[in-house]
Structures are given as C-alpha cells and as structure tokens.
Amino acid sequence: MNKKLLVFLAIVVLGFLAFFLRFGGVHGFVSSWQTFSNGSTWMPFSPYGNRVENAAKLVRKNATHLIFEDQSLFWKGQGAKVLPKLNEKGQLKKFVITDGGSGYGPLVTASVLGAGASQFDIGEVTVRNGQVTEVSINKTGKWYSSPRIFFEGEDLPYSGVAEIKYRNGQLMDSRQYLEGELHGKWFKWKYNGIPLFEKDYLRGLKHGTHMYWYGEPIDPKDYKTAGGDAGDGGTDKKTYVSLWVEVNELVKVEFKGKHPSQASNKWIIDQYKLKGGSFGPKLLEHYENNQRHGLFEAYDGRGNKIFKDEYDLGKRIKHKPYDPTN
C-alpha cells in the first residue's frame, strides 16, 4: 500500500512540475488557454462565452495590409501591389506580386499595418528595373481580410461581450464579438430598460433575425387601474393612469429604493409584459449572409402593419402594403 501511495505521489509531483515548466503557473495556463480558445464559441471558459468588457476600451483596426516605402530622396516609385497567399489556418505563406509598379529605387522597404500587424516581420524587398519583384517574410502571422476589434493593448482580436451603460447602471448597448467581428447578439436599450433593437450576426455579417421597436410602452386595451372603476368598491385603492405608471410605482416597493438599476428595470419590463403590456414593434427583418432573406414587416407607432415583404437571397419576391387607417 505504501509503495502504491509513493508511486501516486511521484506521478502527482511530476505532473505539477511538468505543468509549471510548460505554463509557468496558473496565470500562464489561463493565458495560453485564452489564446487557444479565442476563436471558439463552445470551448469551456473561452473568452467568447465568459469575457465582458467596457466598449470604451475597444479599438478598431483596419484589415491587414502591406505598404511599400521607397527610400529614395527625390523620385519615388509607386503602384506596387501584392496579394497575400494564406494557408488553411489563415496565416500568411507568401506575397504574390500582382503589379510591380514603376519608378522604384534600389532601396525599398515594406511593412504590415492593420489588424495583427505586430505579428509580422517583413524582410527584403527585391526591385528590378524600377519594379518590385519579390517580398520576403522573416516572421509570419494571422492575416485578417476585414477590419477587427481589439481590446486596448492586446494582440489578439477581441472575443467576448462589449457593453456600454447609462449612469443609472442600465445597459445601453451590448454586443458579442468573435475574433474581432460581430458574432451573436447585438442589443440596444433606452435608459429605462425598454428595448430598441435586437440583431443577429455571423462573423461580421447580418445573419438571422433583426427586430426594432419604437421604445414606447403600449398598454393592453382591457387594462383597468388598480383602483377600479367608481362604485366597484375599489375607490379606496391607489389609481394609475396606465399600466406602465403602475409597474413603475410597484418597483419602488419591490426594490425598496434601489431603483433605477439594471435589475429593477428588467423587473419592470417583465411585469409589464406579464400583465399584458407590450412595446410597439417598428421593423422585423431577416438576413442570410448579409442579404435580405425571409420575412420583412414594418409597423407604425400604434402597432398597425404598414407592409409585408418576402425576400429570397436579396431579391424581393412578395410585397403587400397595408392601410393603417382601416
């Protein structure tokens, strides 16, 4: 028994030693895991599903691109263009010269700008007869063909949720990002928690349902104030001019002065819907890969439908107008 215990303890010690040699500790492991899982939507503890940051700390960087600089003092070349050739992981393999340009001197340098630029080290630029003929690569990295969002001071595109809040703590804006692109839900609310829109995105493209609201509460038609009608025995109770006013009074009791806040505003919205209230729809849209696809409907401020359209991959195939006055 003692021998087995010693073997087990030796294995545990070796495991911890290997862990610290590989990652340098827990912090190193967490950092490595975040890097590894940055592009995943399903891995446990991935940034996409767990990270929430203030949107003010995010920065937008242009798509990765290469620029040339002619070191000649006077006459400088121009017009050289390259096409990046990538491997299956999206990393740069080489540059294909699509246009060598003209008038370049013997000393030309090149550098990478935009998203992920810090990963790259560009080597010698070969010039023959005033034209760029080759660009060597000393150190490569991930090449991004579209602009990306980064958290300030970080090299990897941002994955996670970005939020903006009102002074009362209510969320104003919430967006999901995956590797620096909108991916998932984008919400916007008024200061009191009333929704303004909800949109779906897939890798930076509109994809799924987009719903917009006017941002004004609509009471149920059969709403009766808590005080009741005259003569029904309820005149001794407090009366309200609308259901919206009623739930905004009830929340003060429910949260005992801790209002307004994100939680109390959500309670108001939930109670209002539960009692039959709604928020006037403005526009319903459906997209597939950034193209209109499916049902589109528009409403006026009173909830009356204005039109109903259907699209098939960007092409409108049905249109039906409505007269809201009828």
Protein backbone atom coordinates (compact mmCIF):
# COMPACT_ATOMS: atom_id res chain seq x y z
CA MET A 1 0.00 0.00 0.00
CA ASN A 2 2.80 2.43 0.90
CA LYS A 3 4.60 1.65 -2.35
CA LYS A 4 1.48 2.42 -4.41
CA LEU A 5 0.99 5.65 -2.48
CA LEU A 6 4.57 6.71 -3.17
CA VAL A 7 4.13 5.98 -6.89
CA PHE A 8 0.92 8.01 -6.95
CA LEU A 9 2.55 10.96 -5.16
CA ALA A 10 5.51 10.81 -7.54
CA ILE A 11 3.14 10.99 -10.52
CA VAL A 12 1.32 13.98 -8.99
CA VAL A 13 4.59 15.80 -8.30
CA LEU A 14 5.84 15.12 -11.84
CA GLY A 15 2.50 16.35 -13.19
CA PHE A 16 2.76 19.63 -11.28
CA LEU A 17 6.39 20.02 -12.33
CA ALA A 18 5.50 19.49 -15.99
CA PHE A 19 2.63 21.96 -15.64
CA PHE A 20 4.85 24.71 -14.24
CA LEU A 21 7.61 24.05 -16.76
CA ARG A 22 5.11 24.23 -19.60
CA PHE A 23 3.00 27.21 -18.50
CA GLY A 24 4.97 28.87 -15.70
CA GLY A 25 2.00 28.66 -13.33
CA VAL A 26 -1.77 29.09 -13.28
CA HIS A 27 -1.66 32.55 -14.86
CA GLY A 28 0.39 31.22 -17.76
CA PHE A 29 -2.05 28.36 -18.26
CA VAL A 30 -5.04 30.72 -18.27
CA SER A 31 -3.31 32.99 -20.78
CA SER A 32 -2.43 30.05 -23.05
CA TRP A 33 -5.97 28.69 -22.87
CA GLN A 34 -7.49 32.07 -23.73
CA THR A 35 -5.20 32.31 -26.76
CA PHE A 36 -6.03 28.76 -27.84
CA SER A 37 -9.80 29.16 -27.40
CA ASN A 38 -10.12 32.76 -28.64
CA GLY A 39 -11.85 31.68 -31.86
CA SER A 40 -14.20 29.16 -30.23
CA THR A 41 -17.87 29.61 -29.32
CA TRP A 42 -18.19 26.29 -27.46
CA MET A 43 -14.96 25.56 -25.55
CA PRO A 44 -15.31 25.84 -21.75
CA PHE A 45 -14.02 29.10 -20.28
CA SER A 46 -13.39 30.53 -23.75
CA PRO A 47 -13.37 34.37 -23.94
CA TYR A 48 -16.44 34.38 -26.21
CA GLY A 49 -18.69 32.93 -23.55
CA ASN A 50 -17.12 34.43 -20.44
CA ARG A 51 -15.46 37.77 -21.10
CA VAL A 52 -17.30 41.08 -20.62
CA GLU A 53 -15.55 44.43 -21.14
CA ASN A 54 -16.33 48.14 -21.33
CA ALA A 55 -16.77 49.03 -25.01
CA ALA A 56 -14.79 52.24 -24.44
CA LYS A 57 -11.64 50.12 -24.13
CA LEU A 58 -12.04 48.52 -27.55
CA VAL A 59 -10.29 49.81 -30.66
CA ARG A 60 -10.99 49.14 -34.33
CA LYS A 61 -8.13 48.23 -36.64
CA ASN A 62 -8.28 48.08 -40.43
CA ALA A 63 -7.83 44.87 -42.39
CA THR A 64 -4.24 43.59 -42.52
CA HIS A 65 -2.36 45.13 -45.45
CA LEU A 66 1.15 45.71 -46.78
CA ILE A 67 2.65 49.08 -47.66
CA PHE A 68 5.86 49.93 -49.55
CA GLU A 69 8.21 52.82 -48.77
CA ASP A 70 10.76 53.94 -51.35
CA GLN A 71 13.79 55.31 -49.50
CA SER A 72 14.91 57.44 -52.48
CA LEU A 73 15.27 61.11 -51.61
CA PHE A 74 13.54 62.61 -54.64
CA TRP A 75 11.89 60.38 -57.23
CA LYS A 76 9.88 57.69 -55.54
CA GLY A 77 8.22 54.68 -57.11
CA GLN A 78 4.55 53.92 -56.87
CA GLY A 79 1.85 51.44 -57.82
CA ALA A 80 3.24 48.16 -56.45
CA LYS A 81 0.51 45.75 -55.33
CA VAL A 82 0.60 42.33 -53.71
CA LEU A 83 -1.88 39.55 -53.00
CA PRO A 84 -1.37 37.62 -49.74
CA LYS A 85 -1.42 33.85 -50.11
CA LEU A 86 -2.64 32.13 -46.93
CA ASN A 87 -2.54 28.61 -45.55
CA GLU A 88 -5.55 26.69 -44.24
CA LYS A 89 -5.24 28.42 -40.84
CA GLY A 90 -5.35 31.90 -42.37
CA GLN A 91 -1.65 32.56 -41.83
CA LEU A 92 0.43 34.33 -44.44
CA LYS A 93 2.54 32.00 -46.61
CA LYS A 94 3.87 34.42 -49.20
CA PHE A 95 3.13 37.54 -51.23
CA VAL A 96 2.17 37.26 -54.88
CA ILE A 97 3.16 40.38 -56.83
CA THR A 98 0.14 41.42 -58.90
CA ASP A 99 1.61 44.75 -60.01
CA GLY A 100 5.29 45.63 -59.68
CA GLY A 101 4.61 49.34 -60.03
CA SER A 102 7.21 51.65 -61.59
CA GLY A 103 9.99 54.08 -60.74
CA TYR A 104 11.20 52.38 -57.56
CA GLY A 105 14.75 52.95 -56.37
CA PRO A 106 17.14 50.22 -55.22
CA LEU A 107 16.20 50.61 -51.54
CA VAL A 108 12.55 49.83 -50.81
CA THR A 109 11.11 48.62 -47.51
CA ALA A 110 7.74 47.06 -46.74
CA SER A 111 5.72 46.79 -43.55
CA VAL A 112 2.42 45.33 -42.44
CA LEU A 113 -0.28 47.59 -40.99
CA GLY A 114 -3.74 46.97 -39.58
CA ALA A 115 -5.11 44.04 -37.58
CA GLY A 116 -2.41 41.69 -36.29
CA ALA A 117 0.45 43.82 -37.66
CA SER A 118 2.65 43.20 -34.60
CA GLN A 119 2.95 39.51 -35.53
CA PHE A 120 4.84 40.18 -38.77
CA ASP A 121 8.44 40.89 -39.67
CA ILE A 122 8.87 41.66 -43.35
CA GLY A 123 12.26 41.06 -44.90
CA GLU A 124 13.98 42.29 -48.05
CA VAL A 125 12.09 43.83 -50.96
CA THR A 126 13.64 42.96 -54.34
CA VAL A 127 13.49 45.61 -57.06
CA ARG A 128 14.42 45.10 -60.73
CA ASN A 129 14.19 47.78 -63.39
CA GLY A 130 12.16 50.01 -61.08
CA GLN A 131 9.61 47.30 -60.30
CA VAL A 132 9.00 45.31 -57.12
CA THR A 133 9.53 41.63 -57.95
CA GLU A 134 9.64 39.91 -54.57
CA VAL A 135 8.91 40.46 -50.87
CA SER A 136 10.48 38.11 -48.33
CA ILE A 137 8.93 37.24 -44.96
CA ASN A 138 11.03 36.80 -41.82
CA LYS A 139 8.12 36.19 -39.43
CA THR A 140 4.54 35.45 -40.37
CA GLY A 141 1.18 35.56 -38.59
CA LYS A 142 -2.61 35.57 -38.99
CA TRP A 143 -3.82 37.71 -41.91
CA TYR A 144 -7.20 39.42 -41.46
CA SER A 145 -9.08 40.34 -44.63
CA SER A 146 -11.58 42.56 -42.79
CA PRO A 147 -11.36 45.20 -40.00
CA ARG A 148 -11.27 43.77 -36.48
CA ILE A 149 -11.99 44.94 -32.95
CA PHE A 150 -9.23 44.65 -30.33
CA PHE A 151 -9.08 45.26 -26.60
CA GLU A 152 -6.57 48.02 -25.97
CA GLY A 153 -3.02 46.71 -25.56
CA GLU A 154 -3.80 43.18 -26.78
CA ASP A 155 -2.56 41.44 -29.94
CA LEU A 156 -5.44 39.01 -30.46
CA PRO A 157 -8.80 40.22 -31.85
CA TYR A 158 -11.40 40.57 -29.11
CA SER A 159 -13.77 37.71 -28.27
CA GLY A 160 -16.49 38.31 -25.71
CA VAL A 161 -19.18 40.87 -24.88
CA ALA A 162 -18.71 44.64 -25.09
CA GLU A 163 -21.05 46.82 -23.02
CA ILE A 164 -21.98 50.47 -22.64
CA LYS A 165 -24.04 51.55 -19.62
CA TYR A 166 -26.11 54.56 -18.64
CA ARG A 167 -25.24 56.36 -15.42
CA ASN A 168 -28.03 54.54 -13.59
CA GLY A 169 -26.38 51.18 -14.35
CA GLN A 170 -28.83 50.22 -17.09
CA LEU A 171 -27.24 48.66 -20.15
CA MET A 172 -27.35 50.90 -23.21
CA ASP A 173 -25.60 48.63 -25.69
CA SER A 174 -24.37 45.02 -25.62
CA ARG A 175 -22.54 43.31 -28.49
CA GLN A 176 -21.00 39.86 -28.88
CA TYR A 177 -17.68 39.56 -30.72
CA LEU A 178 -15.74 36.56 -32.00
CA GLU A 179 -12.16 37.24 -33.10
CA GLY A 180 -12.94 40.91 -33.51
CA GLU A 181 -16.13 40.50 -35.57
CA LEU A 182 -19.76 40.87 -34.54
CA HIS A 183 -20.95 37.33 -33.89
CA GLY A 184 -24.13 36.58 -31.98
CA LYS A 185 -26.45 39.18 -30.45
CA TRP A 186 -26.38 42.97 -30.53
CA PHE A 187 -28.87 44.66 -28.15
CA LYS A 188 -29.75 48.29 -27.51
CA TRP A 189 -31.98 49.70 -24.73
CA LYS A 190 -33.31 53.03 -23.51
CA TYR A 191 -32.24 54.39 -20.11
CA ASN A 192 -35.28 52.73 -18.50
CA GLY A 193 -34.66 49.26 -19.94
CA ILE A 194 -37.13 49.44 -22.84
CA PRO A 195 -35.63 47.54 -25.80
CA LEU A 196 -34.83 49.43 -29.01
CA PHE A 197 -33.42 46.63 -31.16
CA GLU A 198 -32.05 43.09 -31.18
CA LYS A 199 -29.89 41.86 -34.07
CA ASP A 200 -28.17 38.60 -35.03
CA TYR A 201 -24.72 38.46 -36.65
CA LEU A 202 -22.48 35.73 -38.02
CA ARG A 203 -18.78 36.53 -38.46
CA GLY A 204 -19.44 40.22 -39.01
CA LEU A 205 -22.39 39.69 -41.36
CA LYS A 206 -26.09 40.26 -40.75
CA HIS A 207 -27.49 36.76 -40.35
CA GLY A 208 -30.75 35.82 -38.67
CA THR A 209 -33.47 37.99 -37.15
CA HIS A 210 -33.29 41.76 -36.67
CA MET A 211 -36.07 43.32 -34.60
CA TYR A 212 -36.60 47.04 -33.93
CA TRP A 213 -39.03 48.72 -31.50
CA TYR A 214 -40.29 52.29 -31.16
CA GLY A 215 -39.33 52.25 -27.50
CA GLU A 216 -42.76 53.26 -26.19
CA PRO A 217 -44.96 51.11 -23.91
CA ILE A 218 -48.39 50.05 -25.19
CA ASP A 219 -50.95 49.20 -22.50
CA PRO A 220 -53.38 46.31 -23.03
CA LYS A 221 -56.74 47.54 -24.32
CA ASP A 222 -58.59 45.95 -21.40
CA TYR A 223 -56.34 47.49 -18.72
CA LYS A 224 -58.12 48.74 -15.62
CA THR A 225 -56.33 50.78 -13.00
CA ALA A 226 -55.64 49.05 -9.68
CA GLY A 227 -58.16 51.36 -8.01
CA GLY A 228 -61.01 50.04 -10.12
CA ASP A 229 -63.99 51.91 -11.57
CA ALA A 230 -66.16 54.20 -9.47
CA GLY A 231 -68.74 52.28 -7.49
CA ASP A 232 -66.99 48.90 -7.54
CA GLY A 233 -65.61 49.17 -4.07
CA GLY A 234 -62.08 49.89 -5.25
CA THR A 235 -62.02 53.66 -4.98
CA ASP A 236 -60.07 53.47 -1.74
CA LYS A 237 -57.10 51.96 -3.58
CA LYS A 238 -54.45 53.93 -5.39
CA THR A 239 -55.31 54.55 -9.02
CA TYR A 240 -52.96 54.81 -12.02
CA VAL A 241 -53.38 56.40 -15.41
CA SER A 242 -51.72 53.45 -17.16
CA LEU A 243 -50.22 50.02 -16.59
CA TRP A 244 -46.78 51.46 -17.31
CA VAL A 245 -47.18 54.00 -14.49
CA GLU A 246 -48.47 51.26 -12.21
CA VAL A 247 -45.48 48.92 -12.59
CA ASN A 248 -43.11 51.89 -12.24
CA GLU A 249 -44.71 52.61 -8.86
CA LEU A 250 -44.71 48.98 -7.76
CA VAL A 251 -40.99 48.63 -8.45
CA LYS A 252 -40.23 51.18 -5.72
CA VAL A 253 -41.74 48.81 -3.17
CA GLU A 254 -40.21 45.69 -4.71
CA PHE A 255 -36.66 47.10 -4.72
CA LYS A 256 -37.02 49.33 -1.63
CA GLY A 257 -35.36 52.40 -3.06
CA LYS A 258 -32.73 50.60 -5.15
CA HIS A 259 -34.17 51.95 -8.36
CA PRO A 260 -33.40 52.69 -11.13
CA SER A 261 -30.93 49.93 -11.89
CA GLN A 262 -30.38 47.16 -14.41
CA ALA A 263 -32.21 44.65 -12.21
CA SER A 264 -35.15 46.91 -11.33
CA ASN A 265 -35.65 47.97 -14.94
CA LYS A 266 -35.73 44.32 -16.00
CA TRP A 267 -38.33 43.65 -13.31
CA ILE A 268 -40.49 46.48 -14.70
CA ILE A 269 -40.25 45.16 -18.27
CA ASP A 270 -41.04 41.59 -17.18
CA GLN A 271 -44.01 42.65 -15.04
CA TYR A 272 -45.34 44.92 -17.77
CA LYS A 273 -45.28 42.08 -20.32
CA LEU A 274 -46.73 39.64 -17.78
CA LYS A 275 -49.72 41.94 -17.21
CA GLY A 276 -50.39 42.24 -20.95
CA GLY A 277 -48.29 45.27 -21.90
CA SER A 278 -46.09 45.38 -24.99
CA PHE A 279 -43.61 47.61 -26.79
CA GLY A 280 -44.55 48.83 -30.23
CA PRO A 281 -42.73 46.90 -32.98
CA LYS A 282 -41.15 49.06 -35.66
CA LEU A 283 -39.45 46.71 -38.10
CA LEU A 284 -38.87 42.96 -38.45
CA GLU A 285 -36.08 41.78 -40.76
CA HIS A 286 -34.39 38.50 -41.67
CA TYR A 287 -30.95 38.07 -43.23
CA GLU A 288 -28.71 35.32 -44.56
CA ASN A 289 -25.02 36.13 -45.06
CA ASN A 290 -25.72 39.88 -45.20
CA GLN A 291 -28.54 39.52 -47.75
CA ARG A 292 -32.22 40.09 -47.10
CA HIS A 293 -33.78 36.66 -46.87
CA GLY A 294 -37.21 35.84 -45.50
CA LEU A 295 -39.93 37.97 -43.93
CA PHE A 296 -39.79 41.77 -43.62
CA GLU A 297 -42.56 43.69 -41.82
CA ALA A 298 -42.96 47.35 -40.83
CA TYR A 299 -45.36 48.93 -38.31
CA ASP A 300 -46.47 52.44 -37.42
CA GLY A 301 -46.28 53.90 -33.92
CA ARG A 302 -49.70 52.50 -32.99
CA GLY A 303 -48.74 48.93 -33.88
CA ASN A 304 -50.54 48.85 -37.24
CA LYS A 305 -48.79 46.94 -40.01
CA ILE A 306 -47.57 49.11 -42.93
CA PHE A 307 -46.19 46.46 -45.28
CA LYS A 308 -45.18 42.84 -45.51
CA ASP A 309 -42.38 41.71 -47.85
CA GLU A 310 -40.59 38.45 -48.56
CA TYR A 311 -37.03 38.16 -49.88
CA ASP A 312 -35.02 35.35 -51.41
CA LEU A 313 -31.26 35.98 -51.04
CA GLY A 314 -31.56 39.72 -51.63
CA LYS A 315 -34.37 39.64 -54.19
CA ARG A 316 -37.85 40.76 -53.17
CA ILE A 317 -40.37 38.13 -54.27
CA LYS A 318 -43.51 39.37 -52.48
CA HIS A 319 -44.84 42.77 -51.41
CA LYS A 320 -48.10 43.57 -49.67
CA PRO A 321 -48.90 47.12 -48.45
CA TYR A 322 -51.41 47.79 -45.66
CA ASP A 323 -53.58 50.81 -44.91
CA PRO A 324 -53.13 51.53 -41.18
CA THR A 325 -56.21 53.80 -41.19
CA ASN A 326 -58.55 50.86 -41.80
